[in-house]
């Protein structure tokens, strides 16, 4: 028996949080260059954090040794907590979602900062969003499948799969949602661009938002908020 509730799972880096700018600032403070967004989105996961082929030799030299990598992560943590930004419109969307009756809202992330839950708490709070009001906040290790947690969250609240949604910016987020029986809201302004998502991994173009504004609009429309607003405006 399903509950009458709906569920939406948010992603952090690259979907709600402008991770590219934060990583770029971190690299710059350690004398490294991450390159531009277009090239950043085309790299393999390893190269996202070491820099592309052009920047790789210098970055590799600077990243050798656990101590230097730890310093990089420490700086990234500070940047996220003190300067990190949500994409335009995301804070307002989350506030709206948190105020909706019969909607469970959670955040599942692979954020790589120190004590990521505390990091996200500080970042979101600077934008007026209290993550303590979320139904759950789960940090997933890099090697672990998000889909396991998607399914567990859906089953915990007895959500009908047809009324369960997730947001993500990488093809693995898409697969995690599909494998958990959920509808994916994908974006192409994060860690993987539109071409990579569609042509390399076969993500349907119809589920991809190219901008944060488009994502917000799609989510609102799906939950009936756009329709309600238009009716009230008659």
C-alpha atoms as a PDB file:
ATOM      1  CA  UNK A   1       0.000   0.000   0.000  1.00  0.00           C
ATOM      2  CA  UNK A   2       1.405   3.371  -1.033  1.00  0.00           C
ATOM      3  CA  UNK A   3       1.081   6.579   0.963  1.00  0.00           C
ATOM      4  CA  UNK A   4      -0.550   9.673  -0.552  1.00  0.00           C
ATOM      5  CA  UNK A   5       2.797  11.479  -0.515  1.00  0.00           C
ATOM      6  CA  UNK A   6       5.251  12.336  -3.279  1.00  0.00           C
ATOM      7  CA  UNK A   7       9.055  12.327  -3.046  1.00  0.00           C
ATOM      8  CA  UNK A   8      11.767  14.461  -4.607  1.00  0.00           C
ATOM      9  CA  UNK A   9      15.469  13.832  -4.093  1.00  0.00           C
ATOM     10  CA  UNK A  10      17.862  16.702  -4.752  1.00  0.00           C
ATOM     11  CA  UNK A  11      21.514  16.512  -5.751  1.00  0.00           C
ATOM     12  CA  UNK A  12      24.169  18.954  -4.520  1.00  0.00           C
ATOM     13  CA  UNK A  13      27.252  19.511  -6.695  1.00  0.00           C
ATOM     14  CA  UNK A  14      26.451  20.582 -10.238  1.00  0.00           C
ATOM     15  CA  UNK A  15      22.667  20.481  -9.803  1.00  0.00           C
ATOM     16  CA  UNK A  16      21.766  22.803  -6.939  1.00  0.00           C
ATOM     17  CA  UNK A  17      25.302  24.030  -6.094  1.00  0.00           C
ATOM     18  CA  UNK A  18      27.632  25.798  -8.528  1.00  0.00           C
ATOM     19  CA  UNK A  19      30.465  23.346  -7.896  1.00  0.00           C
ATOM     20  CA  UNK A  20      32.517  24.393 -10.924  1.00  0.00           C
ATOM     21  CA  UNK A  21      33.054  27.935  -9.593  1.00  0.00           C
ATOM     22  CA  UNK A  22      33.928  26.624  -6.124  1.00  0.00           C
ATOM     23  CA  UNK A  23      36.434  24.107  -7.512  1.00  0.00           C
ATOM     24  CA  UNK A  24      37.910  26.762  -9.796  1.00  0.00           C
ATOM     25  CA  UNK A  25      38.512  29.108  -6.849  1.00  0.00           C
ATOM     26  CA  UNK A  26      40.081  26.277  -4.877  1.00  0.00           C
ATOM     27  CA  UNK A  27      42.456  25.329  -7.674  1.00  0.00           C
ATOM     28  CA  UNK A  28      43.458  28.963  -8.202  1.00  0.00           C
ATOM     29  CA  UNK A  29      44.410  29.342  -4.538  1.00  0.00           C
ATOM     30  CA  UNK A  30      46.809  26.429  -4.967  1.00  0.00           C
ATOM     31  CA  UNK A  31      48.301  27.782  -8.167  1.00  0.00           C
ATOM     32  CA  UNK A  32      46.335  25.485 -10.465  1.00  0.00           C
ATOM     33  CA  UNK A  33      44.034  26.122 -13.422  1.00  0.00           C
ATOM     34  CA  UNK A  34      40.900  24.035 -13.879  1.00  0.00           C
ATOM     35  CA  UNK A  35      40.144  25.397 -17.351  1.00  0.00           C
ATOM     36  CA  UNK A  36      36.754  26.521 -18.653  1.00  0.00           C
ATOM     37  CA  UNK A  37      33.368  24.872 -18.051  1.00  0.00           C
ATOM     38  CA  UNK A  38      33.079  23.388 -21.543  1.00  0.00           C
ATOM     39  CA  UNK A  39      36.335  21.458 -21.224  1.00  0.00           C
ATOM     40  CA  UNK A  40      35.668  20.653 -17.576  1.00  0.00           C
ATOM     41  CA  UNK A  41      32.401  18.893 -18.506  1.00  0.00           C
ATOM     42  CA  UNK A  42      34.100  16.676 -21.099  1.00  0.00           C
ATOM     43  CA  UNK A  43      36.719  15.191 -18.794  1.00  0.00           C
ATOM     44  CA  UNK A  44      36.725  11.852 -17.094  1.00  0.00           C
ATOM     45  CA  UNK A  45      35.958  12.091 -13.354  1.00  0.00           C
ATOM     46  CA  UNK A  46      39.669  11.957 -12.463  1.00  0.00           C
ATOM     47  CA  UNK A  47      40.512  14.862 -14.747  1.00  0.00           C
ATOM     48  CA  UNK A  48      37.761  17.035 -13.288  1.00  0.00           C
ATOM     49  CA  UNK A  49      39.830  17.399 -10.128  1.00  0.00           C
ATOM     50  CA  UNK A  50      43.308  17.269 -11.626  1.00  0.00           C
ATOM     51  CA  UNK A  51      42.589  19.539 -14.576  1.00  0.00           C
ATOM     52  CA  UNK A  52      42.442  18.715 -18.292  1.00  0.00           C
ATOM     53  CA  UNK A  53      45.247  17.632 -20.586  1.00  0.00           C
ATOM     54  CA  UNK A  54      46.540  21.196 -20.892  1.00  0.00           C
ATOM     55  CA  UNK A  55      46.676  21.805 -17.147  1.00  0.00           C
ATOM     56  CA  UNK A  56      47.358  18.198 -16.071  1.00  0.00           C
ATOM     57  CA  UNK A  57      51.189  18.137 -15.742  1.00  0.00           C
ATOM     58  CA  UNK A  58      51.307  21.114 -13.356  1.00  0.00           C
ATOM     59  CA  UNK A  59      48.296  19.982 -11.387  1.00  0.00           C
ATOM     60  CA  UNK A  60      49.588  16.432 -11.040  1.00  0.00           C
ATOM     61  CA  UNK A  61      52.867  17.702  -9.624  1.00  0.00           C
ATOM     62  CA  UNK A  62      51.028  19.863  -7.108  1.00  0.00           C
ATOM     63  CA  UNK A  63      48.683  17.023  -6.091  1.00  0.00           C
ATOM     64  CA  UNK A  64      51.394  14.430  -5.405  1.00  0.00           C
ATOM     65  CA  UNK A  65      51.276  13.246  -1.828  1.00  0.00           C
ATOM     66  CA  UNK A  66      48.385  12.893   0.599  1.00  0.00           C
ATOM     67  CA  UNK A  67      49.298  16.087   2.440  1.00  0.00           C
ATOM     68  CA  UNK A  68      48.913  18.295  -0.636  1.00  0.00           C
ATOM     69  CA  UNK A  69      45.639  16.627  -1.576  1.00  0.00           C
ATOM     70  CA  UNK A  70      44.405  17.124   1.981  1.00  0.00           C
ATOM     71  CA  UNK A  71      45.272  20.812   1.745  1.00  0.00           C
ATOM     72  CA  UNK A  72      43.293  21.045  -1.483  1.00  0.00           C
ATOM     73  CA  UNK A  73      40.231  19.425   0.112  1.00  0.00           C
ATOM     74  CA  UNK A  74      40.561  21.715   3.141  1.00  0.00           C
ATOM     75  CA  UNK A  75      40.546  24.763   0.888  1.00  0.00           C
ATOM     76  CA  UNK A  76      37.592  23.413  -1.074  1.00  0.00           C
ATOM     77  CA  UNK A  77      35.717  22.922   2.187  1.00  0.00           C
ATOM     78  CA  UNK A  78      36.385  26.515   3.230  1.00  0.00           C
ATOM     79  CA  UNK A  79      35.305  27.847  -0.172  1.00  0.00           C
ATOM     80  CA  UNK A  80      32.073  25.848  -0.073  1.00  0.00           C
ATOM     81  CA  UNK A  81      31.214  26.930   3.454  1.00  0.00           C
ATOM     82  CA  UNK A  82      32.064  30.621   3.106  1.00  0.00           C
ATOM     83  CA  UNK A  83      31.642  31.408  -0.610  1.00  0.00           C
ATOM     84  CA  UNK A  84      29.802  28.552  -2.311  1.00  0.00           C
ATOM     85  CA  UNK A  85      26.688  29.512  -4.237  1.00  0.00           C
ATOM     86  CA  UNK A  86      23.413  27.848  -5.128  1.00  0.00           C
ATOM     87  CA  UNK A  87      22.367  28.292  -8.724  1.00  0.00           C
ATOM     88  CA  UNK A  88      19.854  31.117  -9.352  1.00  0.00           C
ATOM     89  CA  UNK A  89      16.315  30.216  -8.292  1.00  0.00           C
ATOM     90  CA  UNK A  90      17.299  27.038  -6.441  1.00  0.00           C
ATOM     91  CA  UNK A  91      16.922  28.441  -2.915  1.00  0.00           C
ATOM     92  CA  UNK A  92      13.424  29.702  -3.719  1.00  0.00           C
ATOM     93  CA  UNK A  93      12.499  26.355  -5.259  1.00  0.00           C
ATOM     94  CA  UNK A  94      13.650  24.394  -2.222  1.00  0.00           C
ATOM     95  CA  UNK A  95      11.760  26.693   0.143  1.00  0.00           C
ATOM     96  CA  UNK A  96       8.633  26.120  -1.933  1.00  0.00           C
ATOM     97  CA  UNK A  97       9.144  22.352  -1.882  1.00  0.00           C
ATOM     98  CA  UNK A  98       9.650  22.301   1.884  1.00  0.00           C
ATOM     99  CA  UNK A  99       6.358  24.114   2.381  1.00  0.00           C
ATOM    100  CA  UNK A 100       4.316  21.715   0.259  1.00  0.00           C
ATOM    101  CA  UNK A 101       2.057  19.273   2.115  1.00  0.00           C
ATOM    102  CA  UNK A 102       2.437  15.581   1.288  1.00  0.00           C
ATOM    103  CA  UNK A 103       5.863  16.046  -0.317  1.00  0.00           C
ATOM    104  CA  UNK A 104       8.977  14.414   1.086  1.00  0.00           C
ATOM    105  CA  UNK A 105      12.167  16.317   0.226  1.00  0.00           C
ATOM    106  CA  UNK A 106      15.658  14.911   0.639  1.00  0.00           C
ATOM    107  CA  UNK A 107      19.251  15.494  -0.454  1.00  0.00           C
ATOM    108  CA  UNK A 108      21.572  12.682  -1.535  1.00  0.00           C
ATOM    109  CA  UNK A 109      25.098  13.759  -2.446  1.00  0.00           C
ATOM    110  CA  UNK A 110      28.682  12.655  -3.061  1.00  0.00           C
ATOM    111  CA  UNK A 111      30.127  15.996  -1.935  1.00  0.00           C
ATOM    112  CA  UNK A 112      33.883  15.574  -1.301  1.00  0.00           C
ATOM    113  CA  UNK A 113      34.500  18.263   1.322  1.00  0.00           C
ATOM    114  CA  UNK A 114      35.452  17.659   4.960  1.00  0.00           C
ATOM    115  CA  UNK A 115      32.374  16.741   7.033  1.00  0.00           C
ATOM    116  CA  UNK A 116      30.125  17.247   3.992  1.00  0.00           C
ATOM    117  CA  UNK A 117      26.875  17.439   5.938  1.00  0.00           C
ATOM    118  CA  UNK A 118      28.215  20.378   7.964  1.00  0.00           C
ATOM    119  CA  UNK A 119      29.571  21.953   4.776  1.00  0.00           C
ATOM    120  CA  UNK A 120      26.198  21.736   3.046  1.00  0.00           C
ATOM    121  CA  UNK A 121      24.394  22.976   6.145  1.00  0.00           C
ATOM    122  CA  UNK A 122      26.486  26.163   6.157  1.00  0.00           C
ATOM    123  CA  UNK A 123      26.269  26.727   2.403  1.00  0.00           C
ATOM    124  CA  UNK A 124      22.499  26.297   2.209  1.00  0.00           C
ATOM    125  CA  UNK A 125      21.908  28.339   5.368  1.00  0.00           C
ATOM    126  CA  UNK A 126      23.689  31.315   3.789  1.00  0.00           C
ATOM    127  CA  UNK A 127      20.956  31.159   1.148  1.00  0.00           C
ATOM    128  CA  UNK A 128      18.172  30.973   3.706  1.00  0.00           C
ATOM    129  CA  UNK A 129      17.627  27.215   3.436  1.00  0.00           C
ATOM    130  CA  UNK A 130      17.699  25.119   6.613  1.00  0.00           C
ATOM    131  CA  UNK A 131      18.718  21.573   5.628  1.00  0.00           C
ATOM    132  CA  UNK A 132      17.456  20.461   9.028  1.00  0.00           C
ATOM    133  CA  UNK A 133      13.959  20.762   7.551  1.00  0.00           C
ATOM    134  CA  UNK A 134      14.730  18.156   4.892  1.00  0.00           C
ATOM    135  CA  UNK A 135      13.307  14.687   5.446  1.00  0.00           C
ATOM    136  CA  UNK A 136      16.811  13.287   4.990  1.00  0.00           C
ATOM    137  CA  UNK A 137      20.351  14.283   4.003  1.00  0.00           C
ATOM    138  CA  UNK A 138      22.556  11.383   2.926  1.00  0.00           C
ATOM    139  CA  UNK A 139      26.231  11.472   1.990  1.00  0.00           C
ATOM    140  CA  UNK A 140      27.205   8.683  -0.409  1.00  0.00           C
ATOM    141  CA  UNK A 141      30.839   7.519  -0.801  1.00  0.00           C
ATOM    142  CA  UNK A 142      32.221   7.980  -4.334  1.00  0.00           C
ATOM    143  CA  UNK A 143      32.349   4.247  -5.026  1.00  0.00           C
ATOM    144  CA  UNK A 144      28.788   3.563  -3.856  1.00  0.00           C
ATOM    145  CA  UNK A 145      25.670   3.525  -6.021  1.00  0.00           C
ATOM    146  CA  UNK A 146      23.189   6.298  -5.278  1.00  0.00           C
ATOM    147  CA  UNK A 147      20.334   4.105  -6.489  1.00  0.00           C
ATOM    148  CA  UNK A 148      20.453   2.035  -3.326  1.00  0.00           C
ATOM    149  CA  UNK A 149      19.670   5.124  -1.267  1.00  0.00           C
ATOM    150  CA  UNK A 150      17.039   6.306  -3.752  1.00  0.00           C
ATOM    151  CA  UNK A 151      15.173   3.034  -3.398  1.00  0.00           C
ATOM    152  CA  UNK A 152      15.536   2.946   0.389  1.00  0.00           C
ATOM    153  CA  UNK A 153      14.113   6.474   0.694  1.00  0.00           C
ATOM    154  CA  UNK A 154      11.185   5.656  -1.581  1.00  0.00           C
ATOM    155  CA  UNK A 155      10.401   2.458   0.292  1.00  0.00           C
ATOM    156  CA  UNK A 156      10.821   4.076   3.719  1.00  0.00           C
ATOM    157  CA  UNK A 157       8.044   6.550   2.989  1.00  0.00           C
ATOM    158  CA  UNK A 158       5.967   4.071   0.930  1.00  0.00           C
ATOM    159  CA  UNK A 159       6.061   6.313  -2.141  1.00  0.00           C
ATOM    160  CA  UNK A 160       4.491   5.215  -5.417  1.00  0.00           C
ATOM    161  CA  UNK A 161       7.391   5.062  -7.937  1.00  0.00           C
ATOM    162  CA  UNK A 162       5.284   7.115 -10.360  1.00  0.00           C
ATOM    163  CA  UNK A 163       5.228   9.900  -7.763  1.00  0.00           C
ATOM    164  CA  UNK A 164       8.958   9.803  -6.984  1.00  0.00           C
ATOM    165  CA  UNK A 165      11.516  12.123  -8.600  1.00  0.00           C
ATOM    166  CA  UNK A 166      15.224  12.831  -8.430  1.00  0.00           C
ATOM    167  CA  UNK A 167      17.502  15.590  -9.738  1.00  0.00           C
ATOM    168  CA  UNK A 168      21.018  15.046 -11.076  1.00  0.00           C
ATOM    169  CA  UNK A 169      23.734  16.210 -13.465  1.00  0.00           C
ATOM    170  CA  UNK A 170      25.633  13.008 -14.313  1.00  0.00           C
ATOM    171  CA  UNK A 171      24.619   9.901 -16.254  1.00  0.00           C
ATOM    172  CA  UNK A 172      25.036   7.816 -13.105  1.00  0.00           C
ATOM    173  CA  UNK A 173      22.331   9.938 -11.472  1.00  0.00           C
ATOM    174  CA  UNK A 174      20.045   9.075 -14.383  1.00  0.00           C
ATOM    175  CA  UNK A 175      20.729   5.350 -14.061  1.00  0.00           C
ATOM    176  CA  UNK A 176      20.269   5.475 -10.284  1.00  0.00           C
ATOM    177  CA  UNK A 177      16.848   7.068 -10.683  1.00  0.00           C
ATOM    178  CA  UNK A 178      15.692   4.669 -13.408  1.00  0.00           C
ATOM    179  CA  UNK A 179      16.895   1.630 -11.478  1.00  0.00           C
ATOM    180  CA  UNK A 180      14.994   2.840  -8.415  1.00  0.00           C
ATOM    181  CA  UNK A 181      11.805   3.289 -10.467  1.00  0.00           C
ATOM    182  CA  UNK A 182      11.889   7.086 -10.214  1.00  0.00           C
ATOM    183  CA  UNK A 183      11.512   9.886 -12.757  1.00  0.00           C
ATOM    184  CA  UNK A 184      14.834  11.714 -13.356  1.00  0.00           C
ATOM    185  CA  UNK A 185      15.146  15.477 -13.691  1.00  0.00           C
ATOM    186  CA  UNK A 186      18.535  15.818 -15.403  1.00  0.00           C
ATOM    187  CA  UNK A 187      20.550  19.004 -15.984  1.00  0.00           C
ATOM    188  CA  UNK A 188      23.356  19.734 -18.465  1.00  0.00           C
ATOM    189  CA  UNK A 189      24.927  22.772 -16.759  1.00  0.00           C
ATOM    190  CA  UNK A 190      26.787  20.715 -14.130  1.00  0.00           C
ATOM    191  CA  UNK A 191      29.502  18.070 -14.399  1.00  0.00           C
ATOM    192  CA  UNK A 192      28.302  16.613 -17.725  1.00  0.00           C
ATOM    193  CA  UNK A 193      27.101  18.641 -20.686  1.00  0.00           C
ATOM    194  CA  UNK A 194      24.138  18.022 -22.977  1.00  0.00           C
ATOM    195  CA  UNK A 195      26.159  16.317 -25.699  1.00  0.00           C
ATOM    196  CA  UNK A 196      27.867  13.931 -23.283  1.00  0.00           C
ATOM    197  CA  UNK A 197      24.613  13.002 -21.552  1.00  0.00           C
ATOM    198  CA  UNK A 198      22.646  12.377 -24.742  1.00  0.00           C
ATOM    199  CA  UNK A 199      25.179  11.077 -27.262  1.00  0.00           C
ATOM    200  CA  UNK A 200      27.552   9.116 -25.048  1.00  0.00           C
ATOM    201  CA  UNK A 201      25.169   7.807 -22.413  1.00  0.00           C
ATOM    202  CA  UNK A 202      21.800   7.880 -24.147  1.00  0.00           C
ATOM    203  CA  UNK A 203      19.997  10.095 -21.643  1.00  0.00           C
ATOM    204  CA  UNK A 204      16.741  11.244 -23.313  1.00  0.00           C
ATOM    205  CA  UNK A 205      16.870  14.906 -24.264  1.00  0.00           C
ATOM    206  CA  UNK A 206      13.315  15.318 -22.992  1.00  0.00           C
ATOM    207  CA  UNK A 207      14.356  14.926 -19.341  1.00  0.00           C
ATOM    208  CA  UNK A 208      17.318  17.340 -19.494  1.00  0.00           C
ATOM    209  CA  UNK A 209      17.210  20.984 -18.374  1.00  0.00           C
ATOM    210  CA  UNK A 210      19.883  23.238 -19.838  1.00  0.00           C
ATOM    211  CA  UNK A 211      19.602  25.951 -17.158  1.00  0.00           C
ATOM    212  CA  UNK A 212      18.714  26.146 -13.455  1.00  0.00           C
ATOM    213  CA  UNK A 213      15.641  28.164 -14.407  1.00  0.00           C
ATOM    214  CA  UNK A 214      14.419  25.405 -16.693  1.00  0.00           C
ATOM    215  CA  UNK A 215      14.930  22.825 -13.946  1.00  0.00           C
ATOM    216  CA  UNK A 216      12.903  24.913 -11.499  1.00  0.00           C
ATOM    217  CA  UNK A 217      10.130  25.325 -14.053  1.00  0.00           C
ATOM    218  CA  UNK A 218       9.985  21.597 -14.817  1.00  0.00           C
ATOM    219  CA  UNK A 219       9.829  20.646 -11.144  1.00  0.00           C
ATOM    220  CA  UNK A 220       7.120  23.198 -10.419  1.00  0.00           C
ATOM    221  CA  UNK A 221       5.068  22.071 -13.407  1.00  0.00           C
ATOM    222  CA  UNK A 222       5.386  18.397 -12.440  1.00  0.00           C
ATOM    223  CA  UNK A 223       4.162  19.095  -8.923  1.00  0.00           C
ATOM    224  CA  UNK A 224       1.242  21.174 -10.196  1.00  0.00           C
ATOM    225  CA  UNK A 225       2.643  24.474  -8.973  1.00  0.00           C
ATOM    226  CA  UNK A 226       2.803  26.104 -12.415  1.00  0.00           C
ATOM    227  CA  UNK A 227      -0.769  25.052 -13.156  1.00  0.00           C
ATOM    228  CA  UNK A 228      -1.989  26.351  -9.785  1.00  0.00           C
ATOM    229  CA  UNK A 229      -0.279  29.701 -10.329  1.00  0.00           C
ATOM    230  CA  UNK A 230      -1.824  30.089 -13.783  1.00  0.00           C
ATOM    231  CA  UNK A 231      -5.299  29.274 -12.479  1.00  0.00           C
ATOM    232  CA  UNK A 232      -4.980  31.737  -9.605  1.00  0.00           C
ATOM    233  CA  UNK A 233      -3.907  34.396 -12.088  1.00  0.00           C
ATOM    234  CA  UNK A 234      -7.107  34.107 -14.163  1.00  0.00           C
END
